[in-house]
Amino acid sequence: MQLLGSFKAYDVEDDAPEFNYASFKPRTAVRAIIFDGDKVALIWISEHSYYMLPGGGVEGEDMVAELSREIMEELGCKVNITGEVGSVEVYFDRWSKKQTDYCYRAEKNGNDTDTSPTDFEKEEGHEVVWANSLSEAISLLEDAKPLNPDGKLVRTRDVLFLKSV
């Protein structure tokens, strides 16, 4: 999958400290730009005032299977993966992780069921939001004012993914 970009805290914050990024542990994650007609699924993180694309860490399954599981947990729906978008490397200082996110395009398939958020997602205030269009999804992310460096990195990553579709 094509690497679209690589971001560190100093790319999104002027006063970000330098870290020994070579010591960061690798983590793999998957994301999806999910369409339901023209609508696009986003996750609102109320604790830190930003949006992100659905998805999460890969825990040993193949990436498409892991993505399907994450979407079922977060959105409560099944999807059909329709293509690749690209990958982005993000260095999260808070976790000392170099995360490589692989993003796919997907179409919602079927009716919604209950979501099953993790305790962390509940604490962070994760809420599913459906933007009316791709352009509205991009605007929501660009207009958000993340309260922490992680949110600024996620916003930068996901705007790049959305604009790459």
N, C-alpha and C. Protein backbone atom coordinates (compact mmCIF):
# COMPACT_ATOMS: atom_id res chain seq x y z
N MET A 1 0.85 -1.17 0.00
CA MET A 1 0.00 0.00 0.00
C MET A 1 0.90 1.24 0.00
N GLN A 2 0.52 2.24 -0.79
CA GLN A 2 1.34 3.44 -0.95
C GLN A 2 1.40 4.26 0.33
N LEU A 3 2.62 4.66 0.74
CA LEU A 3 2.82 5.54 1.89
C LEU A 3 2.51 6.97 1.46
N LEU A 4 1.50 7.58 2.11
CA LEU A 4 1.06 8.93 1.76
C LEU A 4 1.75 10.01 2.57
N GLY A 5 2.23 9.68 3.77
CA GLY A 5 2.87 10.69 4.61
C GLY A 5 3.36 10.11 5.91
N SER A 6 4.12 10.94 6.64
CA SER A 6 4.66 10.58 7.94
C SER A 6 4.64 11.84 8.80
N PHE A 7 4.08 11.73 10.01
CA PHE A 7 3.89 12.92 10.85
C PHE A 7 4.38 12.70 12.27
N LYS A 8 5.04 13.73 12.79
CA LYS A 8 5.49 13.79 14.18
C LYS A 8 4.87 15.03 14.82
N ALA A 9 4.91 15.10 16.14
CA ALA A 9 4.28 16.20 16.86
C ALA A 9 4.73 17.56 16.35
N TYR A 10 6.01 17.72 16.03
CA TYR A 10 6.48 19.03 15.58
C TYR A 10 5.93 19.41 14.20
N ASP A 11 5.30 18.47 13.50
CA ASP A 11 4.64 18.79 12.23
C ASP A 11 3.28 19.47 12.45
N VAL A 12 2.73 19.32 13.66
CA VAL A 12 1.40 19.86 13.93
C VAL A 12 1.38 20.86 15.09
N GLU A 13 2.49 21.00 15.81
CA GLU A 13 2.59 21.94 16.93
C GLU A 13 3.96 22.62 16.91
N ASP A 14 3.96 23.94 16.94
CA ASP A 14 5.22 24.69 16.88
C ASP A 14 6.13 24.43 18.07
N ASP A 15 5.56 24.25 19.25
CA ASP A 15 6.37 24.11 20.47
C ASP A 15 6.53 22.66 20.93
N ALA A 16 6.35 21.71 20.02
CA ALA A 16 6.46 20.29 20.38
C ALA A 16 7.91 19.94 20.68
N PRO A 17 8.14 19.17 21.75
CA PRO A 17 9.51 18.76 22.07
C PRO A 17 10.01 17.70 21.10
N GLU A 18 11.32 17.58 21.00
CA GLU A 18 11.94 16.53 20.20
C GLU A 18 11.98 15.25 21.02
N PHE A 19 11.79 14.13 20.38
CA PHE A 19 11.88 12.83 21.02
C PHE A 19 12.87 11.97 20.27
N ASN A 20 13.31 10.90 20.89
CA ASN A 20 14.14 9.91 20.21
C ASN A 20 13.19 8.96 19.47
N TYR A 21 12.77 9.39 18.30
CA TYR A 21 11.77 8.64 17.55
C TYR A 21 12.25 7.25 17.14
N ALA A 22 13.56 7.06 17.05
CA ALA A 22 14.09 5.75 16.69
C ALA A 22 13.77 4.70 17.75
N SER A 23 13.51 5.15 18.98
CA SER A 23 13.21 4.21 20.07
C SER A 23 11.73 3.85 20.16
N PHE A 24 10.88 4.50 19.36
CA PHE A 24 9.44 4.25 19.43
C PHE A 24 9.13 2.83 18.95
N LYS A 25 8.21 2.17 19.64
CA LYS A 25 7.79 0.82 19.28
C LYS A 25 6.79 0.87 18.13
N PRO A 26 6.90 -0.05 17.17
CA PRO A 26 5.96 -0.05 16.04
C PRO A 26 4.58 -0.57 16.44
N ARG A 27 3.58 -0.04 15.82
CA ARG A 27 2.19 -0.50 15.99
C ARG A 27 1.52 -0.40 14.62
N THR A 28 0.71 -1.39 14.29
CA THR A 28 -0.02 -1.39 13.03
C THR A 28 -1.49 -1.16 13.33
N ALA A 29 -2.13 -0.32 12.54
CA ALA A 29 -3.55 -0.04 12.70
C ALA A 29 -4.21 0.03 11.33
N VAL A 30 -5.53 -0.11 11.33
CA VAL A 30 -6.32 -0.04 10.11
C VAL A 30 -7.43 0.98 10.29
N ARG A 31 -7.78 1.66 9.21
CA ARG A 31 -8.83 2.67 9.20
C ARG A 31 -9.68 2.44 7.95
N ALA A 32 -10.86 3.05 7.95
CA ALA A 32 -11.69 2.97 6.75
C ALA A 32 -12.45 4.26 6.54
N ILE A 33 -12.56 4.63 5.29
CA ILE A 33 -13.49 5.68 4.87
C ILE A 33 -14.73 4.92 4.43
N ILE A 34 -15.76 4.98 5.28
CA ILE A 34 -16.96 4.17 5.08
C ILE A 34 -18.07 5.04 4.53
N PHE A 35 -18.59 4.63 3.39
CA PHE A 35 -19.69 5.34 2.76
C PHE A 35 -21.00 4.59 2.99
N ASP A 36 -22.04 5.35 3.25
CA ASP A 36 -23.42 4.85 3.23
C ASP A 36 -24.14 5.77 2.27
N GLY A 37 -24.16 5.40 0.98
CA GLY A 37 -24.57 6.35 -0.06
C GLY A 37 -23.51 7.43 -0.13
N ASP A 38 -23.91 8.70 0.05
CA ASP A 38 -22.94 9.80 0.06
C ASP A 38 -22.37 10.05 1.44
N LYS A 39 -23.03 9.54 2.48
CA LYS A 39 -22.61 9.80 3.86
C LYS A 39 -21.29 9.10 4.18
N VAL A 40 -20.51 9.73 5.10
CA VAL A 40 -19.21 9.20 5.49
C VAL A 40 -19.17 9.08 7.02
N ALA A 41 -18.75 7.92 7.51
CA ALA A 41 -18.69 7.68 8.95
C ALA A 41 -17.45 8.31 9.57
N LEU A 42 -17.67 8.98 10.71
CA LEU A 42 -16.59 9.54 11.51
C LEU A 42 -16.84 9.17 12.97
N ILE A 43 -15.80 9.25 13.76
CA ILE A 43 -15.91 9.09 15.21
C ILE A 43 -15.54 10.43 15.83
N TRP A 44 -16.44 10.99 16.65
CA TRP A 44 -16.19 12.23 17.39
C TRP A 44 -15.61 11.85 18.74
N ILE A 45 -14.47 12.44 19.11
CA ILE A 45 -13.83 12.20 20.39
C ILE A 45 -14.10 13.44 21.24
N SER A 46 -15.15 13.41 22.04
CA SER A 46 -15.60 14.61 22.76
C SER A 46 -14.60 15.06 23.82
N GLU A 47 -13.88 14.14 24.43
CA GLU A 47 -12.92 14.49 25.48
C GLU A 47 -11.81 15.40 24.96
N HIS A 48 -11.50 15.28 23.66
CA HIS A 48 -10.37 16.05 23.10
C HIS A 48 -10.75 16.86 21.86
N SER A 49 -12.04 16.92 21.54
CA SER A 49 -12.58 17.79 20.48
C SER A 49 -12.00 17.56 19.09
N TYR A 50 -12.05 16.32 18.63
CA TYR A 50 -11.66 16.05 17.25
C TYR A 50 -12.42 14.85 16.70
N TYR A 51 -12.39 14.72 15.39
CA TYR A 51 -12.98 13.59 14.68
C TYR A 51 -11.86 12.68 14.18
N MET A 52 -12.21 11.42 13.97
CA MET A 52 -11.27 10.49 13.34
C MET A 52 -12.05 9.46 12.54
N LEU A 53 -11.34 8.77 11.67
CA LEU A 53 -11.92 7.68 10.90
C LEU A 53 -12.03 6.43 11.77
N PRO A 54 -13.05 5.61 11.55
CA PRO A 54 -13.19 4.38 12.31
C PRO A 54 -12.02 3.42 12.03
N GLY A 55 -11.70 2.63 13.04
CA GLY A 55 -10.64 1.64 12.90
C GLY A 55 -9.92 1.44 14.21
N GLY A 56 -8.80 0.74 14.17
CA GLY A 56 -8.03 0.50 15.38
C GLY A 56 -6.84 -0.40 15.12
N GLY A 57 -6.19 -0.79 16.21
CA GLY A 57 -4.98 -1.58 16.14
C GLY A 57 -5.22 -2.99 15.63
N VAL A 58 -4.21 -3.51 14.96
CA VAL A 58 -4.26 -4.87 14.45
C VAL A 58 -3.73 -5.78 15.56
N GLU A 59 -4.51 -6.79 15.90
CA GLU A 59 -4.17 -7.69 17.01
C GLU A 59 -3.89 -9.10 16.54
N GLY A 60 -3.29 -9.26 15.37
CA GLY A 60 -2.91 -10.58 14.90
C GLY A 60 -3.71 -11.12 13.73
N GLU A 61 -4.91 -10.62 13.51
CA GLU A 61 -5.70 -11.06 12.36
C GLU A 61 -5.14 -10.39 11.11
N ASP A 62 -5.61 -10.83 9.96
CA ASP A 62 -5.22 -10.09 8.76
C ASP A 62 -5.92 -8.74 8.79
N MET A 63 -5.37 -7.77 8.09
CA MET A 63 -5.84 -6.39 8.21
C MET A 63 -7.30 -6.20 7.84
N VAL A 64 -7.76 -6.84 6.78
CA VAL A 64 -9.16 -6.68 6.38
C VAL A 64 -10.10 -7.29 7.42
N ALA A 65 -9.75 -8.45 7.95
CA ALA A 65 -10.57 -9.07 9.00
C ALA A 65 -10.57 -8.20 10.25
N GLU A 66 -9.41 -7.67 10.60
CA GLU A 66 -9.31 -6.79 11.77
C GLU A 66 -10.13 -5.53 11.57
N LEU A 67 -10.08 -4.96 10.39
CA LEU A 67 -10.85 -3.75 10.10
C LEU A 67 -12.35 -4.04 10.21
N SER A 68 -12.79 -5.14 9.68
CA SER A 68 -14.21 -5.52 9.77
C SER A 68 -14.64 -5.66 11.22
N ARG A 69 -13.79 -6.26 12.06
CA ARG A 69 -14.09 -6.41 13.48
C ARG A 69 -14.18 -5.04 14.16
N GLU A 70 -13.21 -4.17 13.89
CA GLU A 70 -13.21 -2.83 14.49
C GLU A 70 -14.46 -2.04 14.09
N ILE A 71 -14.85 -2.12 12.85
CA ILE A 71 -16.03 -1.39 12.37
C ILE A 71 -17.30 -1.92 13.04
N MET A 72 -17.37 -3.22 13.20
CA MET A 72 -18.53 -3.80 13.88
C MET A 72 -18.59 -3.30 15.33
N GLU A 73 -17.44 -3.26 16.00
CA GLU A 73 -17.40 -2.79 17.39
C GLU A 73 -17.75 -1.30 17.49
N GLU A 74 -17.16 -0.48 16.61
CA GLU A 74 -17.31 0.98 16.72
C GLU A 74 -18.60 1.51 16.11
N LEU A 75 -19.00 0.97 14.96
CA LEU A 75 -20.17 1.48 14.25
C LEU A 75 -21.37 0.55 14.34
N GLY A 76 -21.15 -0.71 14.65
CA GLY A 76 -22.24 -1.66 14.71
C GLY A 76 -22.79 -2.02 13.34
N CYS A 77 -21.91 -2.06 12.34
CA CYS A 77 -22.37 -2.42 11.00
C CYS A 77 -21.30 -3.22 10.27
N LYS A 78 -21.74 -3.94 9.26
CA LYS A 78 -20.83 -4.66 8.38
C LYS A 78 -20.50 -3.77 7.20
N VAL A 79 -19.37 -4.03 6.57
CA VAL A 79 -18.96 -3.27 5.39
C VAL A 79 -18.40 -4.19 4.33
N ASN A 80 -18.41 -3.70 3.12
CA ASN A 80 -17.69 -4.32 2.01
C ASN A 80 -16.49 -3.43 1.72
N ILE A 81 -15.29 -3.99 1.79
CA ILE A 81 -14.08 -3.25 1.46
C ILE A 81 -14.03 -3.13 -0.06
N THR A 82 -13.90 -1.89 -0.56
CA THR A 82 -13.94 -1.68 -2.01
C THR A 82 -12.62 -1.20 -2.60
N GLY A 83 -11.62 -0.95 -1.74
CA GLY A 83 -10.33 -0.53 -2.27
C GLY A 83 -9.39 -0.03 -1.20
N GLU A 84 -8.15 0.20 -1.62
CA GLU A 84 -7.12 0.74 -0.73
C GLU A 84 -7.02 2.24 -0.93
N VAL A 85 -6.74 2.96 0.15
CA VAL A 85 -6.52 4.41 0.07
C VAL A 85 -5.02 4.71 0.17
N GLY A 86 -4.35 4.13 1.16
CA GLY A 86 -2.92 4.35 1.36
C GLY A 86 -2.58 4.16 2.82
N SER A 87 -1.31 4.42 3.17
CA SER A 87 -0.87 4.30 4.55
C SER A 87 -0.22 5.60 5.00
N VAL A 88 -0.22 5.80 6.32
CA VAL A 88 0.40 6.98 6.93
C VAL A 88 1.11 6.53 8.21
N GLU A 89 2.32 7.03 8.42
CA GLU A 89 3.05 6.80 9.66
C GLU A 89 2.80 7.97 10.60
N VAL A 90 2.46 7.66 11.85
CA VAL A 90 2.23 8.70 12.85
C VAL A 90 3.03 8.33 14.10
N TYR A 91 3.81 9.29 14.60
CA TYR A 91 4.61 9.09 15.80
C TYR A 91 3.86 9.73 16.98
N PHE A 92 3.33 8.87 17.87
CA PHE A 92 2.55 9.34 19.02
C PHE A 92 3.47 9.41 20.24
N ASP A 93 3.84 10.63 20.63
CA ASP A 93 4.73 10.84 21.77
C ASP A 93 4.14 10.27 23.06
N ARG A 94 2.85 10.48 23.25
CA ARG A 94 2.16 10.04 24.47
C ARG A 94 2.34 8.54 24.72
N TRP A 95 2.38 7.77 23.66
CA TRP A 95 2.45 6.32 23.78
C TRP A 95 3.83 5.76 23.39
N SER A 96 4.74 6.63 22.94
CA SER A 96 6.05 6.21 22.42
C SER A 96 5.88 5.13 21.34
N LYS A 97 4.94 5.40 20.41
CA LYS A 97 4.62 4.46 19.34
C LYS A 97 4.78 5.11 17.97
N LYS A 98 5.33 4.34 17.05
CA LYS A 98 5.32 4.70 15.63
C LYS A 98 4.22 3.84 15.02
N GLN A 99 3.09 4.48 14.75
CA GLN A 99 1.94 3.74 14.24
C GLN A 99 1.83 3.89 12.74
N THR A 100 1.73 2.77 12.05
CA THR A 100 1.47 2.79 10.62
C THR A 100 0.01 2.43 10.43
N ASP A 101 -0.76 3.39 9.91
CA ASP A 101 -2.19 3.20 9.65
C ASP A 101 -2.39 2.88 8.18
N TYR A 102 -3.12 1.80 7.92
CA TYR A 102 -3.48 1.40 6.57
C TYR A 102 -4.96 1.72 6.39
N CYS A 103 -5.27 2.49 5.37
CA CYS A 103 -6.65 2.95 5.19
C CYS A 103 -7.26 2.32 3.93
N TYR A 104 -8.53 1.93 4.10
CA TYR A 104 -9.30 1.31 3.02
C TYR A 104 -10.57 2.12 2.78
N ARG A 105 -11.10 1.96 1.60
CA ARG A 105 -12.42 2.49 1.26
C ARG A 105 -13.42 1.37 1.46
N ALA A 106 -14.61 1.71 2.00
CA ALA A 106 -15.61 0.67 2.26
C ALA A 106 -17.01 1.22 2.08
N GLU A 107 -17.94 0.31 1.84
CA GLU A 107 -19.36 0.64 1.73
C GLU A 107 -20.10 -0.08 2.85
N LYS A 108 -20.97 0.64 3.54
CA LYS A 108 -21.79 0.04 4.58
C LYS A 108 -22.67 -1.03 3.95
N ASN A 109 -22.81 -2.15 4.66
CA ASN A 109 -23.56 -3.28 4.15
C ASN A 109 -24.52 -3.77 5.23
N GLY A 110 -25.79 -3.49 5.08
CA GLY A 110 -26.78 -4.01 6.00
C GLY A 110 -27.17 -3.05 7.10
N ASN A 111 -27.96 -3.56 8.04
CA ASN A 111 -28.50 -2.74 9.12
C ASN A 111 -27.52 -2.65 10.29
N ASP A 112 -27.73 -1.62 11.11
CA ASP A 112 -26.90 -1.42 12.28
C ASP A 112 -27.28 -2.37 13.41
N THR A 113 -26.28 -2.73 14.20
CA THR A 113 -26.49 -3.48 15.43
C THR A 113 -25.87 -2.67 16.56
N ASP A 114 -25.87 -3.21 17.75
CA ASP A 114 -25.27 -2.50 18.88
C ASP A 114 -23.76 -2.39 18.71
N THR A 115 -23.21 -1.29 19.19
CA THR A 115 -21.76 -1.12 19.21
C THR A 115 -21.23 -1.71 20.51
N SER A 116 -19.93 -1.94 20.58
CA SER A 116 -19.31 -2.45 21.80
C SER A 116 -17.99 -1.70 22.05
N PRO A 117 -18.11 -0.43 22.48
CA PRO A 117 -16.90 0.36 22.71
C PRO A 117 -16.07 -0.17 23.89
N THR A 118 -14.77 0.04 23.80
CA THR A 118 -13.87 -0.33 24.90
C THR A 118 -14.04 0.69 26.03
N ASP A 119 -13.50 0.37 27.19
CA ASP A 119 -13.54 1.31 28.31
C ASP A 119 -12.82 2.61 27.94
N PHE A 120 -11.69 2.50 27.24
CA PHE A 120 -10.95 3.68 26.80
C PHE A 120 -11.82 4.55 25.89
N GLU A 121 -12.51 3.93 24.93
CA GLU A 121 -13.37 4.68 24.01
C GLU A 121 -14.51 5.36 24.76
N LYS A 122 -15.06 4.69 25.78
CA LYS A 122 -16.09 5.31 26.60
C LYS A 122 -15.54 6.52 27.36
N GLU A 123 -14.35 6.37 27.94
CA GLU A 123 -13.72 7.47 28.69
C GLU A 123 -13.43 8.67 27.79
N GLU A 124 -13.03 8.40 26.56
CA GLU A 124 -12.68 9.46 25.62
C GLU A 124 -13.92 10.08 24.97
N GLY A 125 -15.09 9.48 25.16
CA GLY A 125 -16.33 10.02 24.62
C GLY A 125 -16.51 9.78 23.14
N HIS A 126 -16.19 8.58 22.67
CA HIS A 126 -16.34 8.26 21.24
C HIS A 126 -17.82 8.19 20.87
N GLU A 127 -18.15 8.87 19.76
CA GLU A 127 -19.53 8.90 19.28
C GLU A 127 -19.52 8.84 17.76
N VAL A 128 -20.35 7.99 17.18
CA VAL A 128 -20.43 7.87 15.73
C VAL A 128 -21.19 9.07 15.16
N VAL A 129 -20.62 9.66 14.10
CA VAL A 129 -21.23 10.78 13.38
C VAL A 129 -21.17 10.44 11.90
N TRP A 130 -22.27 10.68 11.19
CA TRP A 130 -22.29 10.47 9.74
C TRP A 130 -22.31 11.84 9.05
N ALA A 131 -21.20 12.21 8.42
CA ALA A 131 -21.16 13.43 7.62
C ALA A 131 -22.00 13.20 6.37
N ASN A 132 -22.63 14.25 5.87
CA ASN A 132 -23.52 14.13 4.71
C ASN A 132 -22.79 13.87 3.39
N SER A 133 -21.49 14.15 3.35
CA SER A 133 -20.72 13.97 2.13
C SER A 133 -19.23 13.89 2.48
N LEU A 134 -18.43 13.51 1.50
CA LEU A 134 -16.98 13.48 1.68
C LEU A 134 -16.47 14.89 1.98
N SER A 135 -16.95 15.88 1.27
CA SER A 135 -16.47 17.25 1.50
C SER A 135 -16.86 17.74 2.90
N GLU A 136 -18.05 17.35 3.38
CA GLU A 136 -18.42 17.73 4.74
C GLU A 136 -17.54 17.02 5.76
N ALA A 137 -17.20 15.77 5.52
CA ALA A 137 -16.30 15.03 6.42
C ALA A 137 -14.95 15.73 6.51
N ILE A 138 -14.41 16.15 5.37
CA ILE A 138 -13.13 16.87 5.35
C ILE A 138 -13.26 18.17 6.13
N SER A 139 -14.34 18.92 5.92
CA SER A 139 -14.54 20.18 6.63
C SER A 139 -14.65 19.97 8.13
N LEU A 140 -15.38 18.94 8.56
CA LEU A 140 -15.51 18.67 9.99
C LEU A 140 -14.14 18.42 10.62
N LEU A 141 -13.32 17.62 9.97
CA LEU A 141 -11.99 17.36 10.50
C LEU A 141 -11.12 18.61 10.50
N GLU A 142 -11.13 19.34 9.39
CA GLU A 142 -10.29 20.53 9.29
C GLU A 142 -10.71 21.61 10.28
N ASP A 143 -12.01 21.72 10.56
CA ASP A 143 -12.52 22.77 11.45
C ASP A 143 -12.42 22.41 12.92
N ALA A 144 -12.20 21.15 13.24
CA ALA A 144 -12.08 20.73 14.64
C ALA A 144 -10.85 21.38 15.26
N LYS A 145 -10.93 21.60 16.56
CA LYS A 145 -9.83 22.20 17.32
C LYS A 145 -9.37 21.21 18.39
N PRO A 146 -8.57 20.21 17.99
CA PRO A 146 -8.13 19.20 18.95
C PRO A 146 -7.42 19.83 20.15
N LEU A 147 -7.69 19.27 21.33
CA LEU A 147 -7.13 19.79 22.57
C LEU A 147 -5.82 19.13 22.96
N ASN A 148 -5.39 18.13 22.20
CA ASN A 148 -4.13 17.46 22.54
C ASN A 148 -3.34 17.14 21.26
N PRO A 149 -2.03 16.87 21.42
CA PRO A 149 -1.20 16.55 20.24
C PRO A 149 -1.70 15.33 19.47
N ASP A 150 -2.18 14.30 20.17
CA ASP A 150 -2.68 13.10 19.47
C ASP A 150 -3.81 13.49 18.51
N GLY A 151 -4.74 14.33 18.97
CA GLY A 151 -5.84 14.77 18.13
C GLY A 151 -5.38 15.53 16.92
N LYS A 152 -4.35 16.35 17.08
CA LYS A 152 -3.81 17.12 15.95
C LYS A 152 -3.16 16.19 14.93
N LEU A 153 -2.47 15.17 15.40
CA LEU A 153 -1.86 14.20 14.50
C LEU A 153 -2.93 13.38 13.78
N VAL A 154 -3.94 12.94 14.52
CA VAL A 154 -5.03 12.15 13.93
C VAL A 154 -5.77 12.98 12.88
N ARG A 155 -6.04 14.24 13.20
CA ARG A 155 -6.72 15.12 12.24
C ARG A 155 -5.89 15.22 10.96
N THR A 156 -4.60 15.44 11.08
CA THR A 156 -3.71 15.57 9.92
C THR A 156 -3.70 14.28 9.10
N ARG A 157 -3.59 13.14 9.78
CA ARG A 157 -3.59 11.83 9.12
C ARG A 157 -4.89 11.60 8.36
N ASP A 158 -6.03 11.83 9.04
CA ASP A 158 -7.31 11.48 8.45
C ASP A 158 -7.76 12.46 7.36
N VAL A 159 -7.37 13.72 7.46
CA VAL A 159 -7.63 14.65 6.36
C VAL A 159 -6.86 14.18 5.12
N LEU A 160 -5.63 13.75 5.30
CA LEU A 160 -4.86 13.23 4.17
C LEU A 160 -5.55 12.01 3.56
N PHE A 161 -6.01 11.10 4.39
CA PHE A 161 -6.73 9.93 3.87
C PHE A 161 -7.98 10.36 3.09
N LEU A 162 -8.78 11.24 3.68
CA LEU A 162 -10.03 11.67 3.03
C LEU A 162 -9.76 12.37 1.71
N LYS A 163 -8.75 13.20 1.67
CA LYS A 163 -8.44 13.91 0.43
C LYS A 163 -7.82 12.99 -0.63
N SER A 164 -7.33 11.82 -0.21
CA SER A 164 -6.73 10.88 -1.15
C SER A 164 -7.77 10.00 -1.83
N VAL A 165 -9.01 10.02 -1.33
CA VAL A 165 -10.07 9.22 -1.95
C VAL A 165 -10.44 9.87 -3.26
